[in-house]
Amino acid sequence: MKDHRNTLKNILCCGALALAALLTSGCATGRRIVDVPLPDVPVPANVAQRGTAVIMTRDVRVFEKDPRQPSIPSAAGNLNMLSDTTKNNLIGRQRNTYGAALGEVALQPGGSVQDRTSALIAKELTARGYTVVADPAQAGTKLDVSVEEFWGWITPGMWTLSIEARIRCQIKLSRAGKEAVITASGYAIHHPQTGSQANWEKGYRLAYENFLQDLRSKLNSAGF
């Protein structure tokens, strides 16, 4: 009887480990490319035109070699050997069953956190009646954006896992002598059964939507 219980226990343990490995599977050791479309932000038919605006964005995230928390940006290999272009392209890190860091999560080749953040903010500005331009000299409203967080991470579990994504920006606004500083942030967590491409993209899609809601509220409060 004792041998039977031990055998059953071993089977259950092996099955749990196999399932946990399956949950975090999907090329976790290599770099995963995610391509999340920007959310649609409806433009009201009677929106008042607010003039031109320029968005100037910098990536000020700080990467660490072996961070204690998965929410802190990191990358495989020697961080000193990574170019700014490579860092600006990274938006997350995959992890195995035991929480050890594996391959990075990145935007499409050539994509950057600055460009993606600017595009998100432009969506909201357009819906508010601004015309977004590239030349600061042609802009009546200026937004100086510092991206402090733009990162996704995975936390393995026994039967499901969690995928989280967080975006936070400090935005300095100026228009005709009026100035304001706001912090806009977005966060999302969901609990899929696998760390698949679609589930990573869902995590970021939810974070994008949450970010835009907060940005809208903060712009309203600042009078922009």
Protein backbone atom coordinates (compact mmCIF):
# COMPACT_ATOMS: atom_id res chain seq x y z
CA MET A 1 0.00 0.00 0.00
CA LYS A 2 2.86 2.37 0.91
CA ASP A 3 4.59 1.67 -2.41
CA HIS A 4 1.34 2.43 -4.22
CA ARG A 5 1.03 5.81 -2.47
CA ASN A 6 4.63 6.68 -3.28
CA THR A 7 4.11 5.78 -6.93
CA LEU A 8 0.97 7.91 -7.10
CA LYS A 9 2.77 10.81 -5.43
CA ASN A 10 5.61 10.59 -7.94
CA ILE A 11 3.18 10.57 -10.85
CA LEU A 12 1.39 13.65 -9.55
CA CYS A 13 4.66 15.50 -8.96
CA CYS A 14 5.95 14.66 -12.42
CA GLY A 15 2.64 15.70 -13.95
CA ALA A 16 2.69 19.03 -12.12
CA LEU A 17 6.23 19.74 -13.26
CA ALA A 18 5.36 18.83 -16.84
CA LEU A 19 2.32 21.10 -16.76
CA ALA A 20 4.34 23.96 -15.30
CA ALA A 21 6.88 23.56 -18.06
CA LEU A 22 4.07 23.61 -20.61
CA LEU A 23 2.61 26.80 -19.14
CA THR A 24 5.81 28.72 -19.69
CA SER A 25 6.69 27.11 -22.99
CA GLY A 26 6.83 28.80 -26.36
CA CYS A 27 10.41 29.69 -27.26
CA ALA A 28 11.06 31.07 -23.78
CA THR A 29 14.82 30.72 -24.25
CA GLY A 30 14.89 32.89 -27.38
CA ARG A 31 13.83 36.48 -27.98
CA ARG A 32 10.08 36.82 -28.41
CA ILE A 33 8.79 39.52 -30.76
CA VAL A 34 5.41 41.05 -29.91
CA ASP A 35 3.43 43.32 -32.18
CA VAL A 36 0.51 44.91 -30.37
CA PRO A 37 -1.70 47.21 -32.46
CA LEU A 38 -2.46 50.57 -30.89
CA PRO A 39 -5.99 50.88 -29.49
CA ASP A 40 -8.53 52.87 -31.43
CA VAL A 41 -9.36 56.20 -29.77
CA PRO A 42 -12.56 57.63 -31.27
CA VAL A 43 -12.47 61.28 -32.32
CA PRO A 44 -15.72 63.03 -31.33
CA ALA A 45 -17.54 64.61 -34.26
CA ASN A 46 -17.76 67.99 -32.48
CA VAL A 47 -14.25 68.05 -31.00
CA ALA A 48 -12.78 71.56 -30.75
CA GLN A 49 -9.52 72.09 -32.62
CA ARG A 50 -6.66 72.83 -30.20
CA GLY A 51 -3.87 73.57 -32.68
CA THR A 52 -0.60 71.74 -33.21
CA ALA A 53 1.37 69.63 -30.73
CA VAL A 54 4.76 67.94 -30.77
CA ILE A 55 5.76 64.89 -28.70
CA MET A 56 9.44 64.59 -27.76
CA THR A 57 10.10 61.26 -26.05
CA ARG A 58 13.11 59.81 -24.23
CA ASP A 59 13.60 56.31 -22.83
CA VAL A 60 15.00 56.75 -19.30
CA ARG A 61 14.41 53.19 -18.05
CA VAL A 62 17.22 51.69 -15.97
CA PHE A 63 18.27 48.10 -16.75
CA GLU A 64 19.79 45.78 -14.15
CA LYS A 65 21.81 42.60 -14.67
CA ASP A 66 20.04 40.30 -12.20
CA PRO A 67 17.21 42.29 -10.62
CA ARG A 68 15.48 41.00 -7.50
CA GLN A 69 12.10 41.77 -9.05
CA PRO A 70 10.99 40.67 -12.54
CA SER A 71 9.32 44.06 -13.03
CA ILE A 72 12.77 45.70 -13.32
CA PRO A 73 14.14 45.79 -16.89
CA SER A 74 16.92 43.31 -17.59
CA ALA A 75 18.60 41.54 -20.49
CA ALA A 76 20.71 38.47 -21.08
CA GLY A 77 24.46 38.93 -21.33
CA ASN A 78 26.62 41.91 -20.50
CA LEU A 79 24.50 45.05 -20.19
CA ASN A 80 27.51 47.22 -20.96
CA MET A 81 27.71 45.58 -24.38
CA LEU A 82 24.08 46.37 -25.27
CA SER A 83 23.54 49.41 -27.45
CA ASP A 84 20.89 51.98 -26.62
CA THR A 85 19.06 50.90 -29.76
CA THR A 86 18.82 47.32 -28.46
CA LYS A 87 17.69 48.40 -25.00
CA ASN A 88 15.07 50.72 -26.46
CA ASN A 89 13.65 47.75 -28.36
CA LEU A 90 13.23 45.50 -25.29
CA ILE A 91 9.92 45.50 -23.39
CA GLY A 92 9.95 42.36 -21.22
CA ARG A 93 11.59 39.16 -20.06
CA GLN A 94 10.42 35.54 -20.14
CA ARG A 95 10.96 33.20 -17.19
CA ASN A 96 10.98 29.47 -16.62
CA THR A 97 9.02 27.34 -14.15
CA TYR A 98 11.30 28.36 -11.29
CA GLY A 99 11.25 32.08 -12.08
CA ALA A 100 14.71 32.21 -13.66
CA ALA A 101 15.08 34.84 -16.38
CA LEU A 102 15.27 33.55 -19.97
CA GLY A 103 14.81 35.26 -23.34
CA GLU A 104 13.80 38.89 -23.77
CA VAL A 105 10.53 40.21 -25.15
CA ALA A 106 10.99 42.84 -27.84
CA LEU A 107 9.13 45.07 -30.23
CA GLN A 108 9.38 44.47 -33.96
CA PRO A 109 12.89 45.02 -35.38
CA GLY A 110 13.47 48.74 -35.70
CA GLY A 111 10.76 49.54 -33.17
CA SER A 112 11.50 51.48 -30.01
CA VAL A 113 9.83 52.29 -26.72
CA GLN A 114 10.06 55.99 -27.61
CA ASP A 115 8.20 55.55 -30.88
CA ARG A 116 5.54 53.30 -29.36
CA THR A 117 4.95 55.66 -26.44
CA SER A 118 4.78 58.67 -28.74
CA ALA A 119 2.25 56.88 -30.94
CA LEU A 120 0.09 56.04 -27.91
CA ILE A 121 0.09 59.64 -26.72
CA ALA A 122 -0.58 60.90 -30.26
CA LYS A 123 -3.73 58.78 -30.35
CA GLU A 124 -5.15 60.64 -27.37
CA LEU A 125 -3.99 64.05 -28.56
CA THR A 126 -5.68 63.53 -31.93
CA ALA A 127 -8.92 62.57 -30.18
CA ARG A 128 -8.67 65.82 -28.19
CA GLY A 129 -8.44 67.97 -31.30
CA TYR A 130 -4.69 68.42 -31.62
CA THR A 131 -2.78 68.04 -34.87
CA VAL A 132 0.45 66.20 -34.03
CA VAL A 133 3.50 67.51 -35.91
CA ALA A 134 7.16 66.47 -35.98
CA ASP A 135 8.79 69.91 -35.94
CA PRO A 136 8.88 71.63 -32.50
CA ALA A 137 9.09 75.00 -34.23
CA GLN A 138 5.65 74.37 -35.75
CA ALA A 139 3.99 73.26 -32.51
CA GLY A 140 1.85 75.40 -30.26
CA THR A 141 1.84 72.74 -27.52
CA LYS A 142 4.95 70.79 -26.53
CA LEU A 143 5.11 67.51 -24.64
CA ASP A 144 8.47 66.44 -23.21
CA VAL A 145 7.99 62.77 -22.33
CA SER A 146 10.29 60.62 -20.18
CA VAL A 147 9.45 56.91 -20.29
CA GLU A 148 10.20 55.63 -16.80
CA GLU A 149 8.55 52.22 -17.15
CA PHE A 150 7.58 50.13 -20.16
CA TRP A 151 8.01 46.51 -19.16
CA GLY A 152 6.22 43.18 -19.10
CA TRP A 153 6.99 40.09 -17.06
CA ILE A 154 5.74 36.61 -16.34
CA THR A 155 5.22 34.88 -12.99
CA PRO A 156 4.84 31.08 -13.24
CA GLY A 157 2.25 29.23 -11.16
CA MET A 158 1.25 25.63 -10.62
CA TRP A 159 -1.84 25.59 -12.86
CA THR A 160 -1.85 29.06 -14.43
CA LEU A 161 0.62 31.92 -14.70
CA SER A 162 0.37 35.69 -14.66
CA ILE A 163 1.53 38.10 -17.32
CA GLU A 164 1.85 41.71 -16.23
CA ALA A 165 2.73 44.89 -18.09
CA ARG A 166 3.34 48.39 -16.77
CA ILE A 167 3.85 51.74 -18.52
CA ARG A 168 4.66 55.00 -16.74
CA CYS A 169 5.70 58.34 -18.19
CA GLN A 170 6.43 61.77 -16.82
CA ILE A 171 5.12 64.39 -19.23
CA LYS A 172 6.05 68.09 -19.16
CA LEU A 173 3.49 70.16 -21.05
CA SER A 174 3.81 73.74 -22.22
CA ARG A 175 1.64 76.06 -24.29
CA ALA A 176 1.81 79.84 -24.57
CA GLY A 177 3.38 80.29 -21.14
CA LYS A 178 1.20 77.69 -19.44
CA GLU A 179 3.09 74.71 -18.01
CA ALA A 180 2.20 71.49 -16.21
CA VAL A 181 3.85 68.21 -15.26
CA ILE A 182 1.82 65.02 -15.14
CA THR A 183 2.54 61.33 -14.65
CA ALA A 184 0.50 58.95 -16.79
CA SER A 185 0.60 55.23 -16.11
CA GLY A 186 -1.01 52.01 -17.22
CA TYR A 187 -0.98 48.52 -15.73
CA ALA A 188 -2.53 45.19 -16.60
CA ILE A 189 -2.40 41.62 -15.35
CA HIS A 190 -4.09 38.52 -16.68
CA HIS A 191 -3.83 34.84 -15.87
CA PRO A 192 -3.56 32.63 -18.96
CA GLN A 193 -2.59 28.98 -19.01
CA THR A 194 0.38 29.48 -21.34
CA GLY A 195 2.99 32.14 -22.03
CA SER A 196 2.06 32.21 -25.70
CA GLN A 197 2.54 35.01 -28.18
CA ALA A 198 -1.15 35.90 -28.04
CA ASN A 199 -1.13 36.07 -24.24
CA TRP A 200 1.89 38.38 -24.13
CA GLU A 201 0.21 40.64 -26.66
CA LYS A 202 -3.05 40.63 -24.65
CA GLY A 203 -1.16 41.78 -21.56
CA TYR A 204 0.26 44.76 -23.40
CA ARG A 205 -3.01 45.55 -25.14
CA LEU A 206 -4.74 45.84 -21.76
CA ALA A 207 -1.89 47.99 -20.41
CA TYR A 208 -2.14 50.31 -23.45
CA GLU A 209 -5.85 50.81 -22.83
CA ASN A 210 -5.32 51.49 -19.13
CA PHE A 211 -2.54 53.98 -19.95
CA LEU A 212 -4.75 55.92 -22.35
CA GLN A 213 -7.53 56.15 -19.76
CA ASP A 214 -5.12 57.59 -17.19
CA LEU A 215 -3.53 59.94 -19.72
CA ARG A 216 -6.96 61.29 -20.66
CA SER A 217 -7.80 61.97 -17.02
CA LYS A 218 -4.46 63.66 -16.30
CA LEU A 219 -4.66 65.89 -19.39
CA ASN A 220 -8.17 66.94 -18.40
CA SER A 221 -7.00 67.84 -14.91
CA ALA A 222 -4.03 69.82 -16.25
CA GLY A 223 -6.21 71.78 -18.69
CA PHE A 224 -4.54 70.48 -21.83
